[in-house]
Amino acid sequence: MATKPILIDALHINGGGALMILDHFVDKLVEKNTDFVLLKDDRCPTLRSEGEIKWLEIMSCKESVRRQFYRNHIDTFKTVLCLGNVPPPIKMPIAVHTYIHNVSLLKIPVDYTVKWKMKAFLKRTYIRHCANNTNSWIVQTKNTAQLVRDNLPCKGKRVMIYPFFYSPTFNTVKNTHKKTDYIFVGEHTFAKGHTDLIYAWLKLAKILGKKCPKLHLTVGSKSLAPFIQKAIEQGANIHNHGRIPFVDVVELYKMCKATVYPSLNESLGLGIIEAINMGCDVIGSDLPYLHSVCQPSATFAPRTPDSITDAVLKYERGGLIKSKLTISDKAGELIDFLNQ
């Protein structure tokens, strides 16, 4: 009797860090010759290993479409992994695991607009409604595991930690530049803390003058662009590159000695991992998510520009520890678990 494939439900994933994680996970599935079916969001760009996927379903992420797919294939798979935060819309007769990567659905940021708070609340409510359709929640870190236990139904369910991510290492990159600059890679959202970081760099400019180091940003959001430009006009040594390909981000990392990470919460913090693997130190918000993935060189009080300024000045004086990761990629182990 032929074995049944694994279903990888990646609906609701079409960009950002979640897309990078999906790309990496599919690469690993193909590399390990796993028998799997990928359910892909029709808004999602082409994946690196997409041409090697034997069974690929591309469809709308509408729950009505998703529900029909599950009903049509209720006896097709041996297990299910939902990568897009949301359990299946129906109960399956097999083991189902749901990966939670959006911590803003678990702990809604206080500075979200009313509209975004309502969207996050409704989506979390729907996830809770579908909770009986999953056997476990899978997360990247201990910090996210605790948020899941605090905000989602967990009775009778396992909360498992399987961090998986791809990031180039420093050894693969030829460093030809003196590393003098700072960087924060990420798009502007309510919880990323860009505004606090920019205020901090304005203060650094006043303190250090022409000796103020450059800060590289990768913000494509038009809503933040006027604020960044005004800060530059007032003397902040900031270069916003906008949305750029990752190969260009790598070039920026070559010039930078540290990332300044003002985010208020992360399911993983891919920018932290990338920075350390590219030889940069981490100066970040003194919050659980940061300490769950690395040992930073310095920390600052969240939402506090003056504290960011002080931490950077302290780092500039030297003598701090080198940042190091405290987690590793477990994609292969997760695939082995799904194949049991």
Protein backbone atom coordinates (compact mmCIF):
# COMPACT_ATOMS: atom_id res chain seq x y z
CA MET A 1 0.00 0.00 0.00
CA ALA A 2 1.42 3.38 -1.03
CA THR A 3 2.12 5.84 1.76
CA LYS A 4 0.16 9.07 1.85
CA PRO A 5 1.84 12.47 1.43
CA ILE A 6 2.12 15.27 3.99
CA LEU A 7 0.01 18.37 3.35
CA ILE A 8 1.85 21.66 3.80
CA ASP A 9 -0.86 24.33 3.99
CA ALA A 10 0.85 27.66 3.23
CA LEU A 11 -2.24 29.71 2.50
CA HIS A 12 -2.09 33.23 4.01
CA ILE A 13 1.69 33.39 3.31
CA ASN A 14 2.67 35.72 0.49
CA GLY A 15 5.45 38.01 1.71
CA GLY A 16 7.77 39.17 4.47
CA GLY A 17 9.61 36.92 6.89
CA ALA A 18 6.95 34.21 6.61
CA LEU A 19 7.71 33.88 2.88
CA MET A 20 11.43 33.49 3.57
CA ILE A 21 10.67 30.75 6.08
CA LEU A 22 8.32 29.01 3.63
CA ASP A 23 10.98 29.15 0.91
CA HIS A 24 13.53 27.58 3.25
CA PHE A 25 11.15 24.89 4.49
CA VAL A 26 10.16 23.85 0.96
CA ASP A 27 13.87 23.69 0.03
CA LYS A 28 14.40 21.31 2.95
CA LEU A 29 11.38 19.18 2.04
CA VAL A 30 12.70 18.77 -1.50
CA GLU A 31 16.25 18.16 -0.29
CA LYS A 32 15.03 15.33 1.97
CA ASN A 33 12.92 13.80 -0.85
CA THR A 34 9.78 14.22 1.25
CA ASP A 35 6.46 13.13 -0.23
CA PHE A 36 4.38 16.28 0.25
CA VAL A 37 1.66 18.46 -1.24
CA LEU A 38 1.99 22.24 -1.06
CA LEU A 39 -1.13 24.37 -0.76
CA LYS A 40 0.09 27.77 -1.97
CA ASP A 41 -1.53 31.20 -1.76
CA ASP A 42 -2.22 32.59 -5.24
CA ARG A 43 -0.65 35.91 -4.14
CA CYS A 44 2.64 34.20 -3.25
CA PRO A 45 5.60 34.65 -5.65
CA THR A 46 7.42 31.68 -7.16
CA LEU A 47 9.44 29.70 -4.62
CA ARG A 48 13.05 28.64 -5.20
CA SER A 49 12.24 24.91 -5.36
CA GLU A 50 8.75 25.24 -6.82
CA GLY A 51 9.72 23.45 -10.03
CA GLU A 52 10.64 20.35 -8.03
CA ILE A 53 7.32 20.06 -6.16
CA LYS A 54 5.42 17.04 -7.50
CA TRP A 55 1.98 18.14 -6.27
CA LEU A 56 1.34 21.87 -6.04
CA GLU A 57 -2.09 23.44 -5.47
CA ILE A 58 -2.31 27.22 -6.01
CA MET A 59 -5.53 28.81 -4.83
CA SER A 60 -7.27 31.67 -3.08
CA CYS A 61 -6.79 31.90 0.66
CA LYS A 62 -10.55 32.40 1.14
CA GLU A 63 -11.75 30.03 3.83
CA SER A 64 -14.61 28.80 1.67
CA VAL A 65 -12.12 27.64 -0.99
CA ARG A 66 -9.81 26.21 1.65
CA ARG A 67 -12.68 24.34 3.33
CA GLN A 68 -13.71 22.73 0.06
CA PHE A 69 -10.16 21.54 -0.58
CA TYR A 70 -10.01 19.85 2.83
CA ARG A 71 -13.40 18.22 2.30
CA ASN A 72 -12.33 16.90 -1.10
CA HIS A 73 -9.12 15.43 0.34
CA ILE A 74 -10.17 14.34 3.82
CA ASP A 75 -8.56 10.88 3.35
CA THR A 76 -5.64 11.90 1.11
CA PHE A 77 -2.91 12.87 3.57
CA LYS A 78 -1.10 11.25 6.47
CA THR A 79 -0.56 14.48 8.40
CA VAL A 80 -1.03 18.24 7.97
CA LEU A 81 1.18 21.21 8.77
CA CYS A 82 -0.53 24.62 8.55
CA LEU A 83 2.17 27.27 8.17
CA GLY A 84 -0.11 30.32 8.02
CA ASN A 85 -1.27 30.62 11.67
CA VAL A 86 -4.77 29.25 10.98
CA PRO A 87 -5.81 25.61 11.66
CA PRO A 88 -7.92 23.79 9.05
CA PRO A 89 -11.56 24.91 8.78
CA ILE A 90 -12.75 21.31 9.37
CA LYS A 91 -11.74 18.44 11.66
CA MET A 92 -9.41 15.98 9.94
CA PRO A 93 -9.08 12.27 10.86
CA ILE A 94 -5.28 12.63 11.07
CA ALA A 95 -2.72 14.59 13.09
CA VAL A 96 -2.75 18.32 12.32
CA HIS A 97 -0.09 20.79 13.44
CA THR A 98 -0.41 24.59 13.18
CA TYR A 99 2.61 26.85 13.06
CA ILE A 100 2.14 30.26 14.70
CA HIS A 101 4.45 32.97 13.37
CA ASN A 102 2.45 36.19 13.78
CA VAL A 103 2.82 37.24 17.40
CA SER A 104 0.79 40.41 16.78
CA LEU A 105 -2.27 38.14 16.64
CA LEU A 106 -1.43 36.84 20.10
CA LYS A 107 -0.37 40.09 21.75
CA ILE A 108 -2.00 42.95 19.87
CA PRO A 109 0.31 46.02 20.01
CA VAL A 110 -1.17 48.91 21.96
CA ASP A 111 -0.21 51.41 19.24
CA TYR A 112 -2.14 49.61 16.51
CA THR A 113 -4.88 51.75 15.02
CA VAL A 114 -8.43 50.80 15.96
CA LYS A 115 -8.86 49.30 12.48
CA TRP A 116 -5.77 47.08 12.79
CA LYS A 117 -6.64 46.09 16.37
CA MET A 118 -10.05 44.95 15.17
CA LYS A 119 -8.54 42.97 12.27
CA ALA A 120 -6.06 41.24 14.59
CA PHE A 121 -8.76 40.52 17.16
CA LEU A 122 -11.11 39.00 14.56
CA LYS A 123 -8.36 36.82 13.10
CA ARG A 124 -7.31 35.61 16.56
CA THR A 125 -10.96 34.87 17.32
CA TYR A 126 -11.19 32.77 14.16
CA ILE A 127 -7.99 30.90 15.04
CA ARG A 128 -9.46 30.13 18.47
CA HIS A 129 -12.67 28.99 16.75
CA CYS A 130 -10.66 26.50 14.65
CA ALA A 131 -8.45 25.38 17.53
CA ASN A 132 -10.27 22.05 17.90
CA ASN A 133 -9.08 21.20 14.38
CA THR A 134 -5.39 21.12 15.31
CA ASN A 135 -3.55 18.70 17.58
CA SER A 136 -0.65 21.00 18.35
CA TRP A 137 0.76 24.50 18.02
CA ILE A 138 4.29 24.84 16.65
CA VAL A 139 6.37 27.94 17.39
CA GLN A 140 9.93 29.18 16.94
CA THR A 141 10.87 30.25 20.47
CA LYS A 142 10.05 29.86 24.16
CA ASN A 143 8.75 33.43 24.14
CA THR A 144 6.15 32.67 21.45
CA ALA A 145 5.27 29.38 23.17
CA GLN A 146 4.28 31.31 26.29
CA LEU A 147 2.21 33.76 24.24
CA VAL A 148 0.38 30.81 22.66
CA ARG A 149 -0.34 29.28 26.08
CA ASP A 150 -1.66 32.65 27.29
CA ASN A 151 -3.85 33.44 24.28
CA LEU A 152 -4.92 30.27 22.45
CA PRO A 153 -6.74 27.10 23.56
CA CYS A 154 -4.06 24.63 24.64
CA LYS A 155 -5.93 22.02 26.67
CA GLY A 156 -5.05 18.60 25.29
CA LYS A 157 -2.61 20.12 22.77
CA ARG A 158 1.15 20.09 22.57
CA VAL A 159 3.03 23.35 22.18
CA MET A 160 6.23 22.42 20.36
CA ILE A 161 9.28 24.54 19.61
CA TYR A 162 10.87 23.98 16.20
CA PRO A 163 12.79 27.09 15.06
CA PHE A 164 13.51 26.96 11.37
CA PHE A 165 15.08 29.65 9.25
CA TYR A 166 17.59 30.28 6.50
CA SER A 167 20.32 32.84 6.85
CA PRO A 168 23.69 33.13 5.07
CA THR A 169 26.68 32.89 7.38
CA PHE A 170 29.52 35.34 7.70
CA ASN A 171 31.97 32.77 6.34
CA THR A 172 30.15 32.75 2.97
CA VAL A 173 30.47 36.49 2.54
CA LYS A 174 33.65 38.24 1.47
CA ASN A 175 33.93 41.27 3.71
CA THR A 176 35.83 43.98 1.83
CA HIS A 177 34.54 46.99 3.76
CA LYS A 178 35.46 48.49 7.10
CA LYS A 179 32.41 47.85 9.27
CA THR A 180 31.45 51.22 10.70
CA ASP A 181 27.71 51.55 10.09
CA TYR A 182 24.51 50.32 11.74
CA ILE A 183 21.48 48.65 10.18
CA PHE A 184 17.86 47.73 10.84
CA VAL A 185 16.38 45.50 8.15
CA GLY A 186 12.60 45.34 8.02
CA GLU A 187 9.48 47.00 6.71
CA HIS A 188 7.68 49.58 8.83
CA THR A 189 4.81 48.22 10.90
CA PHE A 190 3.16 49.45 14.07
CA ALA A 191 5.32 47.22 16.27
CA LYS A 192 8.73 47.53 14.59
CA GLY A 193 9.79 50.70 16.39
CA HIS A 194 11.20 52.64 13.44
CA THR A 195 10.02 55.98 14.80
CA ASP A 196 11.85 55.51 18.11
CA LEU A 197 15.01 54.50 16.26
CA ILE A 198 14.91 57.58 14.03
CA TYR A 199 14.42 59.88 17.03
CA ALA A 200 17.42 58.19 18.66
CA TRP A 201 19.54 58.85 15.56
CA LEU A 202 18.54 62.49 15.58
CA LYS A 203 19.83 62.75 19.15
CA LEU A 204 23.03 60.90 18.19
CA ALA A 205 23.60 63.48 15.45
CA LYS A 206 23.33 66.29 18.01
CA ILE A 207 25.78 64.56 20.37
CA LEU A 208 28.34 63.25 17.85
CA GLY A 209 27.98 65.74 15.03
CA LYS A 210 29.89 64.68 11.92
CA LYS A 211 31.17 61.60 13.76
CA CYS A 212 27.66 60.18 13.99
CA PRO A 213 27.64 56.73 12.29
CA LYS A 214 25.31 55.95 9.41
CA LEU A 215 22.10 54.00 9.95
CA HIS A 216 20.80 51.89 7.05
CA LEU A 217 17.05 51.21 6.76
CA THR A 218 15.03 49.16 4.26
CA VAL A 219 11.63 50.82 4.58
CA GLY A 220 9.39 50.91 1.53
CA SER A 221 6.36 52.29 3.35
CA LYS A 222 5.26 55.64 1.94
CA SER A 223 3.64 56.55 5.25
CA LEU A 224 7.02 56.72 7.01
CA ALA A 225 8.98 58.27 4.14
CA PRO A 226 8.22 61.94 5.01
CA PHE A 227 9.29 61.39 8.62
CA ILE A 228 12.57 59.77 7.54
CA GLN A 229 13.27 62.57 5.06
CA LYS A 230 12.58 65.25 7.67
CA ALA A 231 14.98 63.54 10.10
CA ILE A 232 17.68 63.47 7.40
CA GLU A 233 17.14 67.18 6.72
CA GLN A 234 17.56 67.84 10.45
CA GLY A 235 20.96 66.12 10.43
CA ALA A 236 20.27 62.42 11.11
CA ASN A 237 22.84 60.26 9.30
CA ILE A 238 20.28 57.84 7.84
CA HIS A 239 20.12 56.15 4.45
CA ASN A 240 16.81 54.50 3.63
CA HIS A 241 17.28 52.05 0.73
CA GLY A 242 13.60 51.15 0.46
CA ARG A 243 12.59 47.60 -0.45
CA ILE A 244 15.63 45.89 -1.96
CA PRO A 245 16.53 42.31 -2.92
CA PHE A 246 18.21 40.21 -0.25
CA VAL A 247 21.47 40.13 -2.21
CA ASP A 248 21.60 43.91 -1.72
CA VAL A 249 20.80 43.54 1.96
CA VAL A 250 23.85 41.29 2.23
CA GLU A 251 25.98 44.08 0.76
CA LEU A 252 24.67 46.43 3.46
CA TYR A 253 25.51 43.94 6.21
CA LYS A 254 29.11 43.94 4.94
CA MET A 255 29.40 47.61 5.90
CA CYS A 256 27.69 47.33 9.29
CA LYS A 257 29.05 46.39 12.67
CA ALA A 258 25.70 46.12 14.49
CA THR A 259 21.97 45.99 14.03
CA VAL A 260 19.82 48.17 16.25
CA TYR A 261 16.57 46.27 16.79
CA PRO A 262 13.76 48.35 18.37
CA SER A 263 10.91 45.91 17.60
CA LEU A 264 8.37 45.36 20.38
CA ASN A 265 7.80 41.67 19.68
CA GLU A 266 8.84 38.97 17.21
CA SER A 267 7.93 35.34 16.65
CA LEU A 268 11.60 34.79 15.80
CA GLY A 269 13.44 37.93 14.73
CA LEU A 270 14.97 36.88 11.43
CA GLY A 271 16.85 40.18 11.17
CA ILE A 272 18.65 39.34 14.42
CA ILE A 273 19.73 35.94 13.10
CA GLU A 274 20.81 37.36 9.76
CA ALA A 275 22.82 40.12 11.42
CA ILE A 276 24.73 37.78 13.73
CA ASN A 277 25.40 35.28 10.94
CA MET A 278 26.74 38.15 8.85
CA GLY A 279 29.18 39.17 11.58
CA CYS A 280 27.17 42.00 13.16
CA ASP A 281 26.42 42.54 16.82
CA VAL A 282 22.90 43.11 18.16
CA ILE A 283 21.70 46.09 20.19
CA GLY A 284 18.03 45.42 20.89
CA SER A 285 14.92 46.00 22.96
CA ASP A 286 15.27 44.42 26.39
CA LEU A 287 12.34 42.06 25.81
CA PRO A 288 11.85 38.26 26.04
CA TYR A 289 11.84 37.68 22.27
CA LEU A 290 15.39 39.07 21.98
CA HIS A 291 16.82 36.93 24.78
CA SER A 292 15.08 33.82 23.45
CA VAL A 293 17.20 33.84 20.26
CA CYS A 294 20.51 35.47 21.14
CA GLN A 295 22.89 36.94 23.67
CA PRO A 296 22.94 40.62 22.61
CA SER A 297 25.86 42.98 22.97
CA ALA A 298 23.64 45.67 24.53
CA THR A 299 19.99 46.34 25.25
CA PHE A 300 17.75 49.36 25.71
CA ALA A 301 14.33 50.09 27.17
CA PRO A 302 11.60 49.54 24.56
CA ARG A 303 9.74 52.58 23.22
CA THR A 304 12.48 54.84 24.60
CA PRO A 305 14.60 56.76 22.05
CA ASP A 306 16.93 58.15 24.74
CA SER A 307 17.69 54.62 25.90
CA ILE A 308 18.50 53.58 22.30
CA THR A 309 20.88 56.54 22.03
CA ASP A 310 22.61 55.61 25.28
CA ALA A 311 23.00 51.96 24.20
CA VAL A 312 24.58 52.94 20.87
CA LEU A 313 26.96 55.39 22.59
CA LYS A 314 27.95 52.64 25.02
CA TYR A 315 28.59 50.27 22.11
CA GLU A 316 30.63 52.95 20.31
CA ARG A 317 32.92 53.19 23.34
CA GLY A 318 33.74 49.49 22.95
CA GLY A 319 34.40 46.72 25.43
CA LEU A 320 31.03 44.95 25.10
CA ILE A 321 30.55 41.24 24.46
CA LYS A 322 30.21 39.85 20.95
CA SER A 323 26.61 38.90 20.15
CA LYS A 324 25.89 35.20 19.62
CA LEU A 325 22.90 33.08 18.64
CA THR A 326 21.36 30.71 21.15
CA ILE A 327 19.09 28.80 18.68
CA SER A 328 19.67 26.78 15.52
CA ASP A 329 17.67 25.74 12.45
CA LYS A 330 15.45 22.70 13.18
CA ALA A 331 13.71 22.41 9.80
CA GLY A 332 15.09 18.93 9.22
CA GLU A 333 13.96 17.76 12.64
CA LEU A 334 10.45 19.11 12.05
CA ILE A 335 10.23 17.23 8.73
CA ASP A 336 11.37 14.03 10.46
CA PHE A 337 8.65 14.56 13.08
CA LEU A 338 5.98 15.01 10.39
CA ASN A 339 7.16 11.80 8.67
CA GLN A 340 6.74 9.65 11.78
